[in-house]
């Protein structure tokens, strides 16, 4: 009788642990999507290329790696491209961003695809 109670108690503990773990993942997944949407919206509003002329360039992909400080200000930016004008412009614009929803001292990456039409 005691072994059945022990097995039942252990099974109940394992079930509770699994339920709490899966519940926390679900909650975190929803919050992560909201944070991503807000960050994406901020980047789209503040990064633009009115002075950039890429008409004579081939299609290119630019990866940007950045980190934020405790107050959300972007404190490091690295644009990976061979086009120096594009690199400087992207790094300049990203360095002025404040992304409060992102965790501090974590490297984030975003990719811009430029296509000539």
Protein backbone atom coordinates (compact mmCIF):
# COMPACT_ATOMS: atom_id res chain seq x y z
CA UNK A 1 0.00 0.00 0.00
CA UNK A 2 2.84 2.39 0.85
CA UNK A 3 4.54 1.76 -2.51
CA UNK A 4 1.37 2.66 -4.40
CA UNK A 5 1.12 5.92 -2.42
CA UNK A 6 4.80 6.66 -3.07
CA UNK A 7 4.42 6.00 -6.80
CA UNK A 8 1.26 8.12 -6.95
CA UNK A 9 2.95 10.96 -5.04
CA UNK A 10 5.99 10.85 -7.34
CA UNK A 11 3.80 10.73 -10.45
CA UNK A 12 1.83 13.73 -9.17
CA UNK A 13 5.04 15.69 -8.54
CA UNK A 14 6.40 14.89 -12.00
CA UNK A 15 3.09 15.84 -13.63
CA UNK A 16 3.00 19.15 -11.73
CA UNK A 17 6.60 19.90 -12.71
CA UNK A 18 5.92 19.18 -16.39
CA UNK A 19 2.73 21.30 -16.34
CA UNK A 20 4.55 24.26 -14.74
CA UNK A 21 7.43 24.00 -17.19
CA UNK A 22 5.20 23.86 -20.26
CA UNK A 23 3.04 26.67 -18.89
CA UNK A 24 6.06 28.92 -18.41
CA UNK A 25 7.23 28.21 -21.98
CA UNK A 26 3.82 29.15 -23.32
CA UNK A 27 3.74 32.41 -21.37
CA UNK A 28 7.30 33.27 -22.41
CA UNK A 29 6.57 32.46 -26.06
CA UNK A 30 3.67 34.92 -26.18
CA UNK A 31 5.67 37.69 -24.51
CA UNK A 32 8.61 37.11 -26.84
CA UNK A 33 6.42 37.60 -29.89
CA UNK A 34 5.05 40.89 -28.55
CA UNK A 35 8.58 42.12 -27.79
CA UNK A 36 9.72 41.11 -31.25
CA UNK A 37 6.86 43.00 -32.90
CA UNK A 38 7.55 46.18 -30.89
CA UNK A 39 11.28 46.03 -31.63
CA UNK A 40 10.66 45.37 -35.32
CA UNK A 41 8.26 48.31 -35.46
CA UNK A 42 10.83 50.62 -33.82
CA UNK A 43 13.54 49.57 -36.28
CA UNK A 44 11.24 50.02 -39.29
CA UNK A 45 10.24 53.51 -38.12
CA UNK A 46 13.76 54.74 -37.44
CA UNK A 47 16.00 53.11 -40.06
CA UNK A 48 15.63 54.45 -43.59
CA UNK A 49 17.78 55.06 -46.65
CA UNK A 50 16.74 58.27 -48.44
CA UNK A 51 20.28 59.27 -49.48
CA UNK A 52 21.51 55.83 -50.46
CA UNK A 53 21.92 55.03 -54.15
CA UNK A 54 22.26 51.29 -54.81
CA UNK A 55 21.13 51.35 -58.44
CA UNK A 56 24.50 50.24 -59.82
CA UNK A 57 25.03 47.59 -57.12
CA UNK A 58 24.04 43.94 -57.24
CA UNK A 59 21.55 42.47 -54.79
CA UNK A 60 23.11 42.16 -51.36
CA UNK A 61 22.43 40.87 -47.90
CA UNK A 62 23.64 42.84 -44.86
CA UNK A 63 23.73 41.32 -41.40
CA UNK A 64 23.73 43.71 -38.44
CA UNK A 65 24.84 42.59 -35.00
CA UNK A 66 24.07 44.88 -32.07
CA UNK A 67 23.84 44.97 -28.28
CA UNK A 68 21.90 47.20 -25.89
CA UNK A 69 22.75 48.67 -22.51
CA UNK A 70 20.63 48.54 -19.33
CA UNK A 71 18.61 51.59 -20.41
CA UNK A 72 17.85 50.11 -23.86
CA UNK A 73 20.26 52.31 -25.83
CA UNK A 74 22.14 50.48 -28.58
CA UNK A 75 25.78 50.55 -27.46
CA UNK A 76 27.48 48.39 -30.11
CA UNK A 77 26.71 47.96 -33.83
CA UNK A 78 28.51 45.99 -36.52
CA UNK A 79 27.21 45.87 -40.09
CA UNK A 80 28.69 43.06 -42.20
CA UNK A 81 28.98 44.31 -45.77
CA UNK A 82 31.66 45.28 -48.27
CA UNK A 83 29.81 48.50 -49.18
CA UNK A 84 31.42 51.09 -46.88
CA UNK A 85 28.74 53.75 -47.46
CA UNK A 86 25.97 51.34 -46.55
CA UNK A 87 27.95 50.05 -43.56
CA UNK A 88 28.50 53.53 -42.11
CA UNK A 89 24.88 54.57 -42.68
CA UNK A 90 23.44 51.47 -41.02
CA UNK A 91 25.82 51.68 -38.05
CA UNK A 92 25.04 55.38 -37.61
CA UNK A 93 21.28 54.86 -37.65
CA UNK A 94 21.34 51.82 -35.36
CA UNK A 95 23.57 53.57 -32.82
CA UNK A 96 20.81 56.17 -32.26
CA UNK A 97 18.12 53.57 -31.49
CA UNK A 98 16.68 52.85 -28.06
CA UNK A 99 15.16 49.38 -27.82
CA UNK A 100 13.81 49.15 -24.27
CA UNK A 101 12.17 45.76 -24.69
CA UNK A 102 15.40 43.84 -25.41
CA UNK A 103 17.60 42.30 -22.75
CA UNK A 104 20.78 44.21 -21.96
CA UNK A 105 24.26 42.94 -22.88
CA UNK A 106 22.89 40.36 -25.32
CA UNK A 107 23.96 40.20 -28.96
CA UNK A 108 21.09 40.47 -31.44
CA UNK A 109 21.23 40.14 -35.19
CA UNK A 110 19.04 41.35 -38.02
CA UNK A 111 19.41 40.86 -41.78
CA UNK A 112 18.55 43.43 -44.45
CA UNK A 113 18.14 42.23 -48.04
CA UNK A 114 18.70 44.90 -50.69
CA UNK A 115 17.45 44.15 -54.19
CA UNK A 116 17.76 46.38 -57.25
CA UNK A 117 14.61 46.62 -59.32
